[in-house]
Protein backbone atom coordinates (compact mmCIF):
# COMPACT_ATOMS: atom_id res chain seq x y z
CA MET A 1 81.44 92.06 83.99
CA PRO A 2 81.74 93.95 80.82
CA VAL A 3 83.37 97.88 80.93
CA GLY A 4 79.95 99.44 79.77
CA SER A 5 77.91 98.08 83.11
CA ILE A 6 79.69 100.15 85.88
CA PRO A 7 77.95 103.18 86.35
CA ALA A 8 79.95 106.60 85.53
CA ILE A 9 81.05 108.91 88.47
CA THR A 10 80.06 112.67 87.31
CA GLY A 11 80.94 115.77 88.74
CA LYS A 12 81.76 114.50 92.01
CA LEU A 13 85.63 116.25 91.34
CA ARG A 14 84.12 119.22 90.31
CA LYS A 15 82.15 118.91 93.60
CA ARG A 16 85.28 118.53 95.80
CA LEU A 17 87.10 120.16 94.10
CA ILE A 18 84.70 123.77 94.27
CA LEU A 19 84.29 122.94 97.90
CA ASP A 20 88.48 122.35 98.54
CA LEU A 21 88.96 125.56 97.06
CA THR A 22 85.84 127.62 98.81
CA VAL A 23 87.13 126.15 102.11
CA ALA A 24 90.62 126.91 101.28
CA LEU A 25 90.58 130.13 99.97
CA GLY A 26 87.95 130.70 103.16
CA GLY A 27 90.40 129.03 105.68
CA GLY A 28 92.95 131.72 104.61
CA THR A 29 91.68 134.32 104.62
CA VAL A 30 89.95 133.80 107.93
CA LEU A 31 93.53 133.13 109.96
CA GLY A 32 94.87 136.02 107.44
CA TYR A 33 92.95 138.65 109.23
CA GLY A 34 93.28 136.60 112.53
CA TYR A 35 96.91 137.23 112.53
CA TRP A 36 96.87 140.72 111.25
CA TYR A 37 94.05 142.06 113.85
CA GLY A 38 95.52 140.19 116.62
CA VAL A 39 99.09 139.92 115.71
CA HIS A 40 100.49 142.83 113.36
CA ILE A 41 98.09 145.47 114.44
CA PRO A 42 99.41 145.43 117.92
CA SER A 43 102.91 144.72 118.02
CA VAL A 44 102.89 147.89 115.65
CA SER A 45 101.14 149.19 118.14
CA ARG A 46 103.30 148.18 121.04
CA ARG A 47 106.71 149.11 118.43
CA ASP A 48 105.19 153.23 117.83
CA ALA A 49 104.40 153.41 121.67
CA PHE A 50 108.18 152.40 122.32
CA TYR A 51 109.64 154.69 119.59
CA ALA A 52 107.20 157.81 120.75
CA LYS A 53 107.92 157.71 123.62
CA LEU A 54 111.67 157.30 123.76
CA GLN A 55 111.43 160.28 121.04
CA SER A 56 109.69 162.38 123.78
CA GLU A 57 112.14 160.75 126.31
CA ARG A 58 115.75 162.44 124.26
CA THR A 59 113.25 165.86 123.81
CA GLU A 60 112.81 166.53 127.10
């Protein structure tokens, strides 16, 4: 079978790369927002409330 008789696969790698990058960036952004607003912000709020309460108890 001559090499020229096999059709070339063109554009498949580029399409897959664009899909992979889009999914990775989109998924990373969604998970980052989920962590930030679901874990980090509540944790910081609890910490700030604790220290505000501690400060108010010290001043009384």
